[in-house]
Amino acid sequence: MEQPKETQTPDERKPQQGRSLARRAAILDASAAIFDRVGFGTASLSQIAAEAGVGQGLIYFYFRTKEAIALAIIEEQNARTFEVMQALNDPESPFSTLVRASKGIGQLLLDDGIVRAGIRLSLEQGVFADPTSDFYDLWIQGVIDAFAAAGAAGELTTTVPPERLGASVVATFTGVQLVSNVRTGRQDLMASLGTMWTLLVDGVASDEHHDRLLALVSETFANPSAAHEPDAKEAVT
C-alpha cells in the first residue's frame, strides 16, 4: 500500500536531536489531547502549553502556528493508521486483512490520542481539506486493492465492483466510529464494527469462504461488550 506523503509546512521546524524530538512529541501529545476534547477552533496555544507543562515560547520554537501543530498531528495519525494496516496484511486472505485492519484502526481510536485528534481534525474543513482528502484517497485505494485481491482469491460473490466496495466500506467505518463516539464515547465501537463486518460477510462473501470469514469476524471482535473508555471523555469527533 502506498504511504501518505510527508506534509511538512514552512511553519514547522524539524528537530534532530533526541531530546528535541521528545519535546516535540510531548507538545503533539498535549495538543492532541486538547484538540480531541474541545476541537481546533476552541483550542488555544496557552491551553496546549499548560497541558504540555512547557512555556508557550517553546511551542513557537517547534511550531509557529496552531495550524502547523494540527497538520503535524494529521500527518502522524496518517502514518500510524497505515502502519497498522500494513502490519495486519494477510496475503492468503485479503478479506481477513480488511477485517483485522479495521479492528486495528478501531483500537488506535480507543488508545491513541494522536489518532483520535487527527480523525477529529480531518472532519474540520478549511486548512485541513487537502491532507485529509489525500489520506482518505489513499485509504480507499488500499481497501479497493484488498477487495480486488479478495475477488481474485474467490472470497467474494458480488456484482458491486471493488471501487465502489472500497469507497463504501471506508465511508461506513467512518460513520460507525463517529456515531459510536457521539453516543457512547466509542465504548461500543468494537461491537459496532463486528456488526458491520457480519453484514458485509453475509452480503458479499462467497459460499466457499462465508463461514470461515464469519468465524473470523466473531473471533476478531470477541467480547465487544467489555467497556473501553477513551482518555478524552469529552471528545465528540
Protein backbone atom coordinates (compact mmCIF):
# COMPACT_ATOMS: atom_id res chain seq x y z
CA MET A 1 0.00 0.00 0.00
CA GLU A 2 1.27 3.47 -0.89
CA GLN A 3 2.38 5.51 2.08
CA PRO A 4 0.98 9.01 2.67
CA LYS A 5 3.35 11.79 1.67
CA GLU A 6 5.06 13.81 4.37
CA THR A 7 3.45 17.22 4.64
CA GLN A 8 5.96 19.44 6.44
CA THR A 9 4.89 23.08 6.30
CA PRO A 10 7.05 26.24 6.40
CA ASP A 11 5.60 26.89 9.86
CA GLU A 12 7.20 23.81 11.41
CA ARG A 13 10.79 23.23 12.50
CA LYS A 14 12.02 19.64 12.24
CA PRO A 15 14.08 18.71 15.35
CA GLN A 16 17.08 16.44 15.01
CA GLN A 17 18.35 15.61 18.50
CA GLY A 18 16.71 13.01 20.73
CA ARG A 19 15.77 15.48 23.48
CA SER A 20 14.34 17.88 20.93
CA LEU A 21 12.33 15.09 19.31
CA ALA A 22 10.95 14.11 22.72
CA ARG A 23 9.87 17.69 23.42
CA ARG A 24 8.17 17.93 20.04
CA ALA A 25 6.37 14.63 20.68
CA ALA A 26 5.22 15.87 24.10
CA ILE A 27 3.82 19.03 22.51
CA LEU A 28 1.99 16.97 19.89
CA ASP A 29 0.54 14.66 22.55
CA ALA A 30 -0.66 17.63 24.60
CA SER A 31 -2.08 19.34 21.51
CA ALA A 32 -3.88 16.14 20.51
CA ALA A 33 -5.49 15.91 23.95
CA ILE A 34 -6.74 19.50 23.69
CA PHE A 35 -7.95 19.18 20.08
CA ASP A 36 -9.69 15.92 20.92
CA ARG A 37 -11.51 17.49 23.87
CA VAL A 38 -12.53 20.89 22.52
CA GLY A 39 -11.81 20.95 18.78
CA PHE A 40 -9.37 23.01 16.75
CA GLY A 41 -11.31 26.27 16.78
CA THR A 42 -11.68 26.45 20.56
CA ALA A 43 -8.16 25.23 21.40
CA SER A 44 -5.52 27.82 22.22
CA LEU A 45 -1.74 27.72 22.38
CA SER A 46 -1.93 28.69 26.05
CA GLN A 47 -4.09 25.61 26.74
CA ILE A 48 -1.61 23.45 24.84
CA ALA A 49 1.33 24.90 26.77
CA ALA A 50 -0.42 24.22 30.07
CA GLU A 51 -1.29 20.66 29.03
CA ALA A 52 2.31 20.02 27.95
CA GLY A 53 3.77 21.70 31.03
CA VAL A 54 6.01 23.97 28.94
CA GLY A 55 6.25 27.65 28.19
CA GLN A 56 4.41 28.96 25.18
CA GLY A 57 7.74 30.16 23.74
CA LEU A 58 8.93 26.56 23.46
CA ILE A 59 5.89 25.70 21.36
CA TYR A 60 6.78 28.52 18.99
CA PHE A 61 10.26 27.07 18.62
CA TYR A 62 8.78 23.94 17.03
CA PHE A 63 5.52 25.22 15.56
CA ARG A 64 4.91 28.82 14.53
CA THR A 65 1.13 28.42 14.35
CA LYS A 66 -1.68 26.33 15.76
CA GLU A 67 -2.39 25.18 12.20
CA ALA A 68 1.14 23.79 11.93
CA ILE A 69 0.57 21.70 15.05
CA ALA A 70 -2.71 20.36 13.68
CA LEU A 71 -1.13 19.44 10.34
CA ALA A 72 1.68 17.60 12.15
CA ILE A 73 -0.92 15.63 14.13
CA ILE A 74 -2.81 14.72 10.94
CA GLU A 75 0.46 13.59 9.34
CA GLU A 76 1.34 11.43 12.34
CA GLN A 77 -2.18 10.00 12.53
CA ASN A 78 -1.96 9.05 8.86
CA ALA A 79 1.38 7.30 9.39
CA ARG A 80 0.17 5.32 12.42
CA THR A 81 -3.02 4.25 10.64
CA PHE A 82 -1.23 2.99 7.54
CA GLU A 83 1.38 1.24 9.68
CA VAL A 84 -1.37 -0.80 11.35
CA MET A 85 -2.95 -1.65 8.01
CA GLN A 86 0.36 -2.91 6.64
CA ALA A 87 1.26 -4.84 9.79
CA LEU A 88 -2.01 -6.80 9.64
CA ASN A 89 -1.75 -7.73 5.97
CA ASP A 90 -2.70 -11.36 5.23
CA PRO A 91 -1.72 -12.22 1.64
CA GLU A 92 -3.59 -15.53 1.80
CA SER A 93 -6.91 -13.90 2.69
CA PRO A 94 -7.29 -10.25 1.63
CA PHE A 95 -10.77 -10.12 3.18
CA SER A 96 -9.26 -11.15 6.52
CA THR A 97 -6.79 -8.28 6.16
CA LEU A 98 -9.65 -5.81 5.95
CA VAL A 99 -11.42 -7.24 9.00
CA ARG A 100 -8.30 -7.25 11.17
CA ALA A 101 -7.14 -3.84 9.95
CA SER A 102 -10.47 -2.29 10.86
CA LYS A 103 -10.09 -3.61 14.39
CA GLY A 104 -6.52 -2.30 14.49
CA ILE A 105 -7.64 1.17 13.46
CA GLY A 106 -10.53 0.96 15.91
CA GLN A 107 -8.06 0.10 18.67
CA LEU A 108 -5.99 3.13 17.75
CA LEU A 109 -9.09 5.29 18.12
CA LEU A 110 -9.56 3.87 21.61
CA ASP A 111 -5.94 4.00 22.77
CA ASP A 112 -4.07 6.63 20.76
CA GLY A 113 -4.76 10.32 21.38
CA ILE A 114 -2.88 11.38 18.26
CA VAL A 115 -5.10 9.21 16.08
CA ARG A 116 -8.29 10.40 17.77
CA ALA A 117 -7.29 14.02 17.35
CA GLY A 118 -6.19 13.50 13.76
CA ILE A 119 -9.54 11.97 12.86
CA ARG A 120 -11.39 14.80 14.57
CA LEU A 121 -9.27 17.39 12.79
CA SER A 122 -9.88 15.63 9.47
CA LEU A 123 -13.58 16.46 9.83
CA GLU A 124 -12.87 20.17 10.31
CA GLN A 125 -12.75 21.71 6.85
CA GLY A 126 -10.71 24.62 5.53
CA VAL A 127 -6.96 24.43 6.06
CA PHE A 128 -7.08 20.66 6.63
CA ALA A 129 -9.02 19.76 3.48
CA ASP A 130 -6.05 18.82 1.30
CA PRO A 131 -4.18 16.49 3.70
CA THR A 132 -7.49 14.94 4.74
CA SER A 133 -8.50 14.28 1.14
CA ASP A 134 -5.11 12.73 0.40
CA PHE A 135 -5.43 10.44 3.42
CA TYR A 136 -8.91 9.22 2.52
CA ASP A 137 -7.92 8.73 -1.13
CA LEU A 138 -5.01 6.50 -0.07
CA TRP A 139 -7.13 4.65 2.48
CA ILE A 140 -9.91 4.00 -0.03
CA GLN A 141 -7.43 2.85 -2.65
CA GLY A 142 -5.90 0.40 -0.19
CA VAL A 143 -9.34 -1.07 0.59
CA ILE A 144 -10.15 -1.21 -3.13
CA ASP A 145 -6.93 -3.15 -3.75
CA ALA A 146 -7.79 -5.55 -0.93
CA PHE A 147 -11.28 -6.19 -2.30
CA ALA A 148 -9.85 -6.73 -5.79
CA ALA A 149 -7.43 -9.28 -4.35
CA ALA A 150 -10.25 -10.89 -2.35
CA GLY A 151 -12.26 -11.25 -5.55
CA ALA A 152 -9.33 -12.85 -7.32
CA ALA A 153 -8.94 -15.25 -4.39
CA GLY A 154 -12.58 -16.33 -4.67
CA GLU A 155 -13.62 -14.76 -1.38
CA LEU A 156 -16.31 -12.54 -2.93
CA THR A 157 -19.54 -13.11 -4.78
CA THR A 158 -20.98 -9.72 -5.64
CA THR A 159 -21.73 -7.61 -8.68
CA VAL A 160 -20.50 -4.49 -6.87
CA PRO A 161 -17.04 -3.57 -8.24
CA PRO A 162 -14.08 -3.19 -5.85
CA GLU A 163 -14.00 0.57 -6.44
CA ARG A 164 -17.49 1.01 -5.04
CA LEU A 165 -16.96 -1.53 -2.26
CA GLY A 166 -13.81 0.23 -1.11
CA ALA A 167 -15.35 3.68 -1.01
CA SER A 168 -18.48 2.38 0.73
CA VAL A 169 -16.61 0.42 3.41
CA VAL A 170 -14.39 3.39 4.31
CA ALA A 171 -17.46 5.62 4.50
CA THR A 172 -19.29 3.05 6.62
CA PHE A 173 -16.37 2.61 9.01
CA THR A 174 -16.08 6.38 9.36
CA GLY A 175 -19.78 6.67 10.14
CA VAL A 176 -19.72 3.76 12.59
CA GLN A 177 -16.87 5.23 14.62
CA LEU A 178 -18.40 8.70 14.51
CA VAL A 179 -21.80 7.57 15.78
CA SER A 180 -20.14 5.33 18.38
CA ASN A 181 -18.14 8.29 19.66
CA VAL A 182 -21.15 10.60 19.85
CA ARG A 183 -23.38 8.03 21.57
CA THR A 184 -21.03 6.15 23.90
CA GLY A 185 -17.55 7.69 23.71
CA ARG A 186 -16.68 4.70 21.47
CA GLN A 187 -17.36 2.20 24.25
CA ASP A 188 -19.45 0.18 21.79
CA LEU A 189 -17.05 0.64 18.85
CA MET A 190 -15.86 -2.96 18.62
CA ALA A 191 -19.37 -4.35 18.86
CA SER A 192 -20.50 -1.95 16.14
CA LEU A 193 -17.59 -2.90 13.88
CA GLY A 194 -18.37 -6.58 14.44
CA THR A 195 -21.93 -5.96 13.30
CA MET A 196 -20.70 -4.02 10.27
CA TRP A 197 -18.46 -6.87 9.16
CA THR A 198 -21.10 -9.52 9.84
CA LEU A 199 -23.42 -7.70 7.46
CA LEU A 200 -20.66 -7.35 4.87
CA VAL A 201 -19.72 -11.02 5.04
CA ASP A 202 -23.37 -12.02 4.63
CA GLY A 203 -23.71 -9.64 1.71
CA VAL A 204 -20.54 -10.14 -0.34
CA ALA A 205 -18.64 -13.27 0.78
CA SER A 206 -18.71 -16.35 -1.44
CA ASP A 207 -20.34 -19.52 -0.14
CA GLU A 208 -16.97 -21.24 -0.04
CA HIS A 209 -15.49 -18.67 2.36
CA HIS A 210 -18.60 -17.37 4.12
CA ASP A 211 -18.44 -19.50 7.28
CA ARG A 212 -14.68 -19.02 7.70
CA LEU A 213 -14.96 -15.25 7.37
CA LEU A 214 -17.95 -15.09 9.68
CA ALA A 215 -15.98 -17.03 12.30
CA LEU A 216 -13.06 -14.64 11.79
CA VAL A 217 -15.31 -11.65 12.44
CA SER A 218 -16.67 -13.28 15.59
CA GLU A 219 -13.17 -14.09 16.83
CA THR A 220 -11.73 -10.69 15.93
CA PHE A 221 -14.43 -8.74 17.74
CA ALA A 222 -14.94 -11.18 20.61
CA ASN A 223 -16.11 -9.76 23.94
CA PRO A 224 -17.14 -6.42 22.43
CA SER A 225 -19.28 -5.65 25.45
CA ALA A 226 -16.18 -5.06 27.56
CA ALA A 227 -16.24 -1.34 28.26
CA HIS A 228 -13.31 0.69 27.00
CA GLU A 229 -13.46 4.34 27.89
CA PRO A 230 -11.19 6.66 25.86
CA ASP A 231 -8.89 9.08 27.64
CA ALA A 232 -10.70 12.12 26.27
CA LYS A 233 -14.18 11.54 27.61
CA GLU A 234 -15.45 14.86 26.33
CA ALA A 235 -14.44 14.18 22.73
CA VAL A 236 -17.08 14.38 20.05
CA THR A 237 -15.46 13.68 16.70
